[in-house]
């Protein structure tokens, strides 16, 4: 009789353990789903804000009837952000490279727009930052291929 009780207790423990594992898996799935939806909502928000920024810039160019180099370079930054969101939706492996591209574009825009009044050391540091970012992008792309 005591052997039957021990078997019942052991079977009960196994059933509780299996039930607990199923609950843990359900919780993980729910948490993953919530994070996935939150991530998508933020990406849609980022894309919407970027499109609004583009619309405001185009409207400003239309009002002043002048399109300058800063406007064109700013459009490239907007294109980079849209590209980053697009890549994130289609292929998550190379997402880390796009913020680096955006930083390179922004630094290039900064160097171009600063003018001749800028200290040469500043331009040198910014150029070095572009070089460092470019090298890091190359490393990330090569590492993701392997």
N, C-alpha and C. Protein backbone atom coordinates (compact mmCIF):
# COMPACT_ATOMS: atom_id res chain seq x y z
N UNK A 1 0.82 -1.19 0.00
CA UNK A 1 0.00 0.00 0.00
C UNK A 1 0.86 1.25 0.00
N UNK A 2 1.95 1.24 0.77
CA UNK A 2 2.80 2.42 0.83
C UNK A 2 3.51 2.64 -0.51
N UNK A 3 3.77 1.55 -1.24
CA UNK A 3 4.38 1.68 -2.57
C UNK A 3 3.43 2.39 -3.51
N UNK A 4 2.13 2.09 -3.41
CA UNK A 4 1.13 2.76 -4.25
C UNK A 4 1.06 4.25 -3.92
N UNK A 5 1.15 4.59 -2.62
CA UNK A 5 1.12 6.01 -2.23
C UNK A 5 2.34 6.74 -2.77
N UNK A 6 3.49 6.09 -2.70
CA UNK A 6 4.71 6.72 -3.21
C UNK A 6 4.61 6.95 -4.71
N UNK A 7 4.05 5.97 -5.43
CA UNK A 7 3.86 6.12 -6.88
C UNK A 7 2.88 7.25 -7.18
N UNK A 8 1.80 7.33 -6.39
CA UNK A 8 0.82 8.40 -6.59
C UNK A 8 1.45 9.77 -6.35
N UNK A 9 2.25 9.88 -5.29
CA UNK A 9 2.92 11.14 -4.97
C UNK A 9 3.90 11.51 -6.09
N UNK A 10 4.64 10.52 -6.57
CA UNK A 10 5.61 10.78 -7.65
C UNK A 10 4.90 11.20 -8.93
N UNK A 11 3.80 10.51 -9.27
CA UNK A 11 3.03 10.87 -10.46
C UNK A 11 2.43 12.27 -10.33
N UNK A 12 1.98 12.60 -9.13
CA UNK A 12 1.42 13.92 -8.87
C UNK A 12 2.48 15.01 -9.04
N UNK A 13 3.70 14.75 -8.54
CA UNK A 13 4.80 15.70 -8.69
C UNK A 13 5.17 15.90 -10.16
N UNK A 14 5.18 14.82 -10.92
CA UNK A 14 5.49 14.90 -12.35
C UNK A 14 4.42 15.71 -13.07
N UNK A 15 3.15 15.48 -12.72
CA UNK A 15 2.06 16.22 -13.35
C UNK A 15 2.15 17.71 -13.02
N UNK A 16 2.48 18.04 -11.76
CA UNK A 16 2.62 19.45 -11.36
C UNK A 16 3.78 20.10 -12.12
N UNK A 17 4.86 19.37 -12.27
CA UNK A 17 6.03 19.90 -12.98
C UNK A 17 5.70 20.16 -14.44
N UNK A 18 5.00 19.23 -15.08
CA UNK A 18 4.61 19.40 -16.48
C UNK A 18 3.66 20.58 -16.64
N UNK A 19 2.72 20.72 -15.71
CA UNK A 19 1.76 21.83 -15.74
C UNK A 19 2.50 23.16 -15.56
N UNK A 20 3.46 23.18 -14.65
CA UNK A 20 4.25 24.38 -14.41
C UNK A 20 5.06 24.77 -15.64
N UNK A 21 5.62 23.78 -16.33
CA UNK A 21 6.39 24.06 -17.55
C UNK A 21 5.49 24.62 -18.64
N UNK A 22 4.26 24.09 -18.77
CA UNK A 22 3.32 24.60 -19.77
C UNK A 22 2.94 26.04 -19.46
N UNK A 23 2.71 26.35 -18.19
CA UNK A 23 2.36 27.71 -17.78
C UNK A 23 3.52 28.66 -18.08
N UNK A 24 4.74 28.22 -17.77
CA UNK A 24 5.92 29.05 -18.07
C UNK A 24 6.04 29.31 -19.57
N UNK A 25 5.78 28.29 -20.37
CA UNK A 25 5.87 28.47 -21.82
C UNK A 25 4.78 29.42 -22.32
N UNK A 26 3.58 29.31 -21.78
CA UNK A 26 2.49 30.22 -22.16
C UNK A 26 2.85 31.64 -21.77
N UNK A 27 3.40 31.84 -20.57
CA UNK A 27 3.81 33.18 -20.15
C UNK A 27 4.88 33.75 -21.06
N UNK A 28 5.85 32.91 -21.44
CA UNK A 28 6.90 33.37 -22.35
C UNK A 28 6.32 33.76 -23.70
N UNK A 29 5.39 32.97 -24.21
CA UNK A 29 4.77 33.28 -25.50
C UNK A 29 3.97 34.58 -25.43
N UNK A 30 3.25 34.79 -24.35
CA UNK A 30 2.48 36.03 -24.18
C UNK A 30 3.42 37.22 -24.09
N UNK A 31 4.48 37.10 -23.30
CA UNK A 31 5.45 38.19 -23.16
C UNK A 31 6.11 38.49 -24.51
N UNK A 32 6.48 37.45 -25.23
CA UNK A 32 7.10 37.64 -26.55
C UNK A 32 6.14 38.35 -27.50
N UNK A 33 4.89 37.96 -27.48
CA UNK A 33 3.88 38.59 -28.34
C UNK A 33 3.69 40.07 -27.98
N UNK A 34 3.63 40.37 -26.68
CA UNK A 34 3.46 41.76 -26.24
C UNK A 34 4.67 42.60 -26.66
N UNK A 35 5.87 42.07 -26.47
CA UNK A 35 7.08 42.80 -26.89
C UNK A 35 7.11 43.00 -28.41
N UNK A 36 6.69 41.98 -29.15
CA UNK A 36 6.67 42.07 -30.61
C UNK A 36 5.70 43.16 -31.07
N UNK A 37 4.51 43.19 -30.49
CA UNK A 37 3.52 44.21 -30.86
C UNK A 37 4.02 45.59 -30.46
N UNK A 38 4.60 45.73 -29.27
CA UNK A 38 5.13 47.02 -28.82
C UNK A 38 6.23 47.50 -29.76
N UNK A 39 7.09 46.60 -30.14
CA UNK A 39 8.17 46.93 -31.07
C UNK A 39 7.61 47.43 -32.40
N UNK A 40 6.62 46.74 -32.93
CA UNK A 40 6.00 47.15 -34.20
C UNK A 40 5.32 48.50 -34.07
N UNK A 41 4.66 48.75 -32.96
CA UNK A 41 4.00 50.04 -32.76
C UNK A 41 5.03 51.17 -32.72
N UNK A 42 6.15 50.95 -32.05
CA UNK A 42 7.20 51.97 -32.02
C UNK A 42 7.79 52.20 -33.41
N UNK A 43 7.97 51.13 -34.18
CA UNK A 43 8.49 51.29 -35.54
C UNK A 43 7.52 52.08 -36.40
N UNK A 44 6.23 51.82 -36.26
CA UNK A 44 5.23 52.58 -37.00
C UNK A 44 5.25 54.04 -36.56
N UNK A 45 5.41 54.28 -35.27
CA UNK A 45 5.50 55.65 -34.75
C UNK A 45 6.72 56.36 -35.32
N UNK A 46 7.87 55.69 -35.33
CA UNK A 46 9.09 56.28 -35.88
C UNK A 46 8.91 56.61 -37.35
N UNK A 47 8.33 55.69 -38.10
CA UNK A 47 8.10 55.92 -39.53
C UNK A 47 7.14 57.08 -39.75
N UNK A 48 6.08 57.15 -38.95
CA UNK A 48 5.12 58.25 -39.07
C UNK A 48 5.78 59.58 -38.78
N UNK A 49 6.57 59.64 -37.72
CA UNK A 49 7.25 60.90 -37.38
C UNK A 49 8.26 61.29 -38.47
N UNK A 50 8.92 60.32 -39.06
CA UNK A 50 9.87 60.61 -40.13
C UNK A 50 9.14 61.16 -41.35
N UNK A 51 8.03 60.55 -41.71
CA UNK A 51 7.26 61.04 -42.85
C UNK A 51 6.72 62.44 -42.58
N UNK A 52 6.30 62.70 -41.34
CA UNK A 52 5.86 64.05 -40.98
C UNK A 52 7.01 65.05 -41.10
N UNK A 53 8.20 64.65 -40.67
CA UNK A 53 9.37 65.52 -40.80
C UNK A 53 9.68 65.83 -42.25
N UNK A 54 9.59 64.83 -43.11
CA UNK A 54 9.80 65.04 -44.55
C UNK A 54 8.76 66.00 -45.10
N UNK A 55 7.50 65.80 -44.71
CA UNK A 55 6.43 66.67 -45.20
C UNK A 55 6.66 68.12 -44.76
N UNK A 56 7.07 68.32 -43.52
CA UNK A 56 7.33 69.68 -43.02
C UNK A 56 8.48 70.31 -43.80
N UNK A 57 9.54 69.55 -44.04
CA UNK A 57 10.68 70.09 -44.80
C UNK A 57 10.29 70.43 -46.23
N UNK A 58 9.54 69.56 -46.88
CA UNK A 58 9.10 69.84 -48.25
C UNK A 58 8.20 71.06 -48.28
N UNK A 59 7.31 71.17 -47.32
CA UNK A 59 6.44 72.35 -47.23
C UNK A 59 7.28 73.62 -47.04
N UNK A 60 8.28 73.55 -46.17
CA UNK A 60 9.16 74.70 -45.93
C UNK A 60 9.91 75.09 -47.21
N UNK A 61 10.41 74.10 -47.94
CA UNK A 61 11.10 74.40 -49.20
C UNK A 61 10.14 75.03 -50.21
N UNK A 62 8.89 74.56 -50.21
CA UNK A 62 7.89 75.11 -51.13
C UNK A 62 7.58 76.57 -50.77
N UNK A 63 7.46 76.87 -49.50
CA UNK A 63 7.12 78.23 -49.05
C UNK A 63 8.26 79.20 -49.38
N UNK A 64 9.49 78.85 -49.05
CA UNK A 64 10.61 79.77 -49.26
C UNK A 64 11.11 79.73 -50.70
N UNK A 65 10.68 78.75 -51.47
CA UNK A 65 11.06 78.59 -52.88
C UNK A 65 12.57 78.46 -53.08
N UNK A 66 13.25 77.90 -52.08
CA UNK A 66 14.70 77.68 -52.16
C UNK A 66 15.00 76.26 -51.66
N UNK A 67 15.78 75.55 -52.46
CA UNK A 67 16.24 74.23 -52.04
C UNK A 67 17.76 74.31 -51.95
N UNK A 68 18.26 74.19 -50.73
CA UNK A 68 19.69 74.29 -50.52
C UNK A 68 20.32 72.96 -50.19
N UNK A 69 21.61 72.97 -50.12
CA UNK A 69 22.35 71.76 -49.78
C UNK A 69 21.94 71.19 -48.42
N UNK A 70 21.71 72.04 -47.39
CA UNK A 70 21.25 71.47 -46.11
C UNK A 70 19.94 70.71 -46.23
N UNK A 71 19.04 71.20 -47.08
CA UNK A 71 17.75 70.51 -47.27
C UNK A 71 17.96 69.15 -47.92
N UNK A 72 18.81 69.10 -48.91
CA UNK A 72 19.07 67.83 -49.60
C UNK A 72 19.73 66.82 -48.66
N UNK A 73 20.70 67.29 -47.90
CA UNK A 73 21.38 66.40 -46.96
C UNK A 73 20.44 65.91 -45.85
N UNK A 74 19.52 66.77 -45.44
CA UNK A 74 18.54 66.36 -44.44
C UNK A 74 17.61 65.29 -45.00
N UNK A 75 17.27 65.40 -46.27
CA UNK A 75 16.44 64.37 -46.91
C UNK A 75 17.15 63.02 -46.91
N UNK A 76 18.47 63.05 -47.09
CA UNK A 76 19.23 61.79 -47.01
C UNK A 76 19.13 61.17 -45.62
N UNK A 77 19.14 61.99 -44.59
CA UNK A 77 18.97 61.45 -43.23
C UNK A 77 17.59 60.81 -43.07
N UNK A 78 16.57 61.47 -43.60
CA UNK A 78 15.22 60.90 -43.54
C UNK A 78 15.16 59.57 -44.30
N UNK A 79 15.80 59.52 -45.46
CA UNK A 79 15.82 58.29 -46.24
C UNK A 79 16.50 57.16 -45.46
N UNK A 80 17.56 57.49 -44.75
CA UNK A 80 18.26 56.49 -43.94
C UNK A 80 17.35 55.92 -42.85
N UNK A 81 16.58 56.78 -42.21
CA UNK A 81 15.67 56.32 -41.15
C UNK A 81 14.59 55.42 -41.74
N UNK A 82 14.01 55.82 -42.87
CA UNK A 82 13.00 54.98 -43.52
C UNK A 82 13.61 53.65 -43.93
N UNK A 83 14.82 53.68 -44.46
CA UNK A 83 15.50 52.44 -44.82
C UNK A 83 15.75 51.54 -43.63
N UNK A 84 16.09 52.15 -42.50
CA UNK A 84 16.34 51.37 -41.29
C UNK A 84 15.06 50.66 -40.83
N UNK A 85 13.95 51.37 -40.86
CA UNK A 85 12.68 50.75 -40.46
C UNK A 85 12.32 49.64 -41.44
N UNK A 86 12.52 49.88 -42.72
CA UNK A 86 12.22 48.88 -43.74
C UNK A 86 13.06 47.62 -43.55
N UNK A 87 14.35 47.80 -43.32
CA UNK A 87 15.23 46.64 -43.11
C UNK A 87 14.85 45.91 -41.83
N UNK A 88 14.46 46.63 -40.80
CA UNK A 88 14.09 45.98 -39.54
C UNK A 88 12.87 45.10 -39.73
N UNK A 89 11.92 45.54 -40.58
CA UNK A 89 10.75 44.71 -40.84
C UNK A 89 11.09 43.48 -41.67
N UNK A 90 12.04 43.61 -42.60
CA UNK A 90 12.29 42.51 -43.52
C UNK A 90 13.42 41.58 -43.07
N UNK A 91 14.48 42.14 -42.46
CA UNK A 91 15.64 41.32 -42.13
C UNK A 91 16.34 41.92 -40.93
N UNK A 92 16.17 41.34 -39.77
CA UNK A 92 16.70 41.91 -38.53
C UNK A 92 18.20 41.76 -38.37
N UNK A 93 18.84 40.95 -39.19
CA UNK A 93 20.26 40.69 -38.98
C UNK A 93 21.13 41.92 -39.20
N UNK A 94 20.79 42.76 -40.16
CA UNK A 94 21.66 43.88 -40.50
C UNK A 94 21.16 45.21 -39.94
N UNK A 95 20.28 45.18 -38.98
CA UNK A 95 19.72 46.40 -38.42
C UNK A 95 20.77 47.27 -37.74
N UNK A 96 21.76 46.66 -37.13
CA UNK A 96 22.75 47.42 -36.38
C UNK A 96 23.59 48.32 -37.27
N UNK A 97 23.63 48.05 -38.55
CA UNK A 97 24.44 48.85 -39.46
C UNK A 97 23.75 50.17 -39.80
N UNK A 98 22.44 50.18 -39.86
CA UNK A 98 21.74 51.39 -40.29
C UNK A 98 21.91 52.58 -39.36
N UNK A 99 21.88 52.43 -38.05
CA UNK A 99 22.19 53.61 -37.21
C UNK A 99 23.60 54.14 -37.46
N UNK A 100 24.51 53.24 -37.80
CA UNK A 100 25.87 53.69 -38.12
C UNK A 100 25.85 54.50 -39.41
N UNK A 101 25.09 54.04 -40.41
CA UNK A 101 24.96 54.81 -41.66
C UNK A 101 24.34 56.18 -41.40
N UNK A 102 23.35 56.22 -40.52
CA UNK A 102 22.72 57.50 -40.19
C UNK A 102 23.73 58.43 -39.52
N UNK A 103 24.53 57.88 -38.62
CA UNK A 103 25.55 58.70 -37.95
C UNK A 103 26.58 59.21 -38.94
N UNK A 104 26.99 58.37 -39.88
CA UNK A 104 27.95 58.80 -40.90
C UNK A 104 27.35 59.91 -41.75
N UNK A 105 26.10 59.74 -42.16
CA UNK A 105 25.43 60.77 -42.96
C UNK A 105 25.31 62.07 -42.18
N UNK A 106 24.95 61.97 -40.90
CA UNK A 106 24.80 63.18 -40.08
C UNK A 106 26.14 63.89 -39.88
N UNK A 107 27.19 63.13 -39.64
CA UNK A 107 28.51 63.75 -39.48
C UNK A 107 28.99 64.39 -40.78
N UNK A 108 28.72 63.73 -41.89
CA UNK A 108 29.08 64.30 -43.19
C UNK A 108 28.33 65.60 -43.42
N UNK A 109 27.05 65.60 -43.10
CA UNK A 109 26.24 66.82 -43.22
C UNK A 109 26.82 67.92 -42.34
N UNK A 110 27.21 67.57 -41.13
CA UNK A 110 27.78 68.55 -40.21
C UNK A 110 29.07 69.15 -40.77
N UNK A 111 29.94 68.31 -41.30
CA UNK A 111 31.21 68.80 -41.86
C UNK A 111 30.95 69.74 -43.04
N UNK A 112 30.03 69.35 -43.91
CA UNK A 112 29.74 70.16 -45.09
C UNK A 112 29.14 71.51 -44.71
N UNK A 113 28.25 71.50 -43.74
CA UNK A 113 27.51 72.73 -43.41
C UNK A 113 28.24 73.65 -42.45
N UNK A 114 29.29 73.19 -41.81
CA UNK A 114 29.98 74.03 -40.83
C UNK A 114 30.65 75.23 -41.46
N UNK A 115 31.15 75.09 -42.62
CA UNK A 115 31.80 76.22 -43.27
C UNK A 115 33.25 76.34 -42.90
N UNK A 116 33.85 77.42 -43.38
CA UNK A 116 35.29 77.63 -43.20
C UNK A 116 35.65 78.17 -41.83
N UNK A 117 34.68 78.62 -41.08
CA UNK A 117 34.97 79.20 -39.76
C UNK A 117 35.30 78.15 -38.71
N UNK A 118 35.03 76.91 -39.00
CA UNK A 118 35.24 75.84 -38.04
C UNK A 118 36.73 75.56 -37.84
N UNK A 119 37.06 75.24 -36.61
CA UNK A 119 38.45 74.91 -36.30
C UNK A 119 38.86 73.63 -37.04
N UNK A 120 40.05 73.60 -37.59
CA UNK A 120 40.50 72.42 -38.33
C UNK A 120 40.51 71.15 -37.47
N UNK A 121 40.77 71.31 -36.17
CA UNK A 121 40.79 70.14 -35.30
C UNK A 121 39.41 69.49 -35.23
N UNK A 122 38.37 70.32 -35.23
CA UNK A 122 37.00 69.78 -35.18
C UNK A 122 36.70 68.95 -36.42
N UNK A 123 37.08 69.47 -37.57
CA UNK A 123 36.85 68.74 -38.81
C UNK A 123 37.65 67.43 -38.80
N UNK A 124 38.86 67.49 -38.30
CA UNK A 124 39.69 66.28 -38.22
C UNK A 124 39.06 65.24 -37.30
N UNK A 125 38.56 65.66 -36.15
CA UNK A 125 37.91 64.73 -35.22
C UNK A 125 36.64 64.14 -35.83
N UNK A 126 35.87 64.96 -36.53
CA UNK A 126 34.65 64.47 -37.16
C UNK A 126 34.98 63.49 -38.28
N UNK A 127 36.03 63.78 -39.05
CA UNK A 127 36.45 62.86 -40.11
C UNK A 127 36.94 61.54 -39.52
N UNK A 128 37.66 61.62 -38.40
CA UNK A 128 38.10 60.40 -37.72
C UNK A 128 36.90 59.60 -37.21
N UNK A 129 35.88 60.30 -36.73
CA UNK A 129 34.67 59.61 -36.27
C UNK A 129 33.99 58.89 -37.44
N UNK A 130 33.97 59.53 -38.61
CA UNK A 130 33.39 58.89 -39.79
C UNK A 130 34.20 57.64 -40.16
N UNK A 131 35.51 57.75 -40.11
CA UNK A 131 36.37 56.60 -40.40
C UNK A 131 36.11 55.47 -39.41
N UNK A 132 36.03 55.79 -38.15
CA UNK A 132 35.79 54.79 -37.12
C UNK A 132 34.42 54.12 -37.30
N UNK A 133 33.40 54.92 -37.60
CA UNK A 133 32.07 54.37 -37.85
C UNK A 133 32.07 53.49 -39.10
N UNK A 134 32.78 53.90 -40.13
CA UNK A 134 32.86 53.10 -41.35
C UNK A 134 33.52 51.75 -41.09
N UNK A 135 34.59 51.77 -40.34
CA UNK A 135 35.27 50.51 -40.00
C UNK A 135 34.37 49.61 -39.16
N UNK A 136 33.63 50.20 -38.23
CA UNK A 136 32.73 49.38 -37.41
C UNK A 136 31.61 48.80 -38.25
N UNK A 137 31.11 49.54 -39.24
CA UNK A 137 30.08 49.01 -40.13
C UNK A 137 30.63 47.83 -40.94
N UNK A 138 31.86 47.97 -41.41
CA UNK A 138 32.48 46.87 -42.16
C UNK A 138 32.61 45.63 -41.28
N UNK A 139 33.05 45.81 -40.06
CA UNK A 139 33.21 44.68 -39.14
C UNK A 139 31.86 44.02 -38.86
N UNK A 140 30.83 44.82 -38.62
CA UNK A 140 29.50 44.26 -38.33
C UNK A 140 28.97 43.48 -39.52
N UNK A 141 29.12 44.03 -40.72
CA UNK A 141 28.62 43.33 -41.92
C UNK A 141 29.38 42.03 -42.14
N UNK A 142 30.68 42.06 -41.98
CA UNK A 142 31.48 40.84 -42.17
C UNK A 142 31.17 39.79 -41.11
N UNK A 143 30.97 40.24 -39.87
CA UNK A 143 30.66 39.29 -38.79
C UNK A 143 29.28 38.68 -38.98
N UNK A 144 28.34 39.45 -39.51
CA UNK A 144 26.98 38.91 -39.68
C UNK A 144 26.92 37.91 -40.82
N UNK A 145 27.85 37.97 -41.75
CA UNK A 145 27.88 36.99 -42.85
C UNK A 145 28.37 35.63 -42.38
N UNK A 146 29.20 35.62 -41.37
CA UNK A 146 29.79 34.35 -40.89
C UNK A 146 28.85 33.59 -40.02
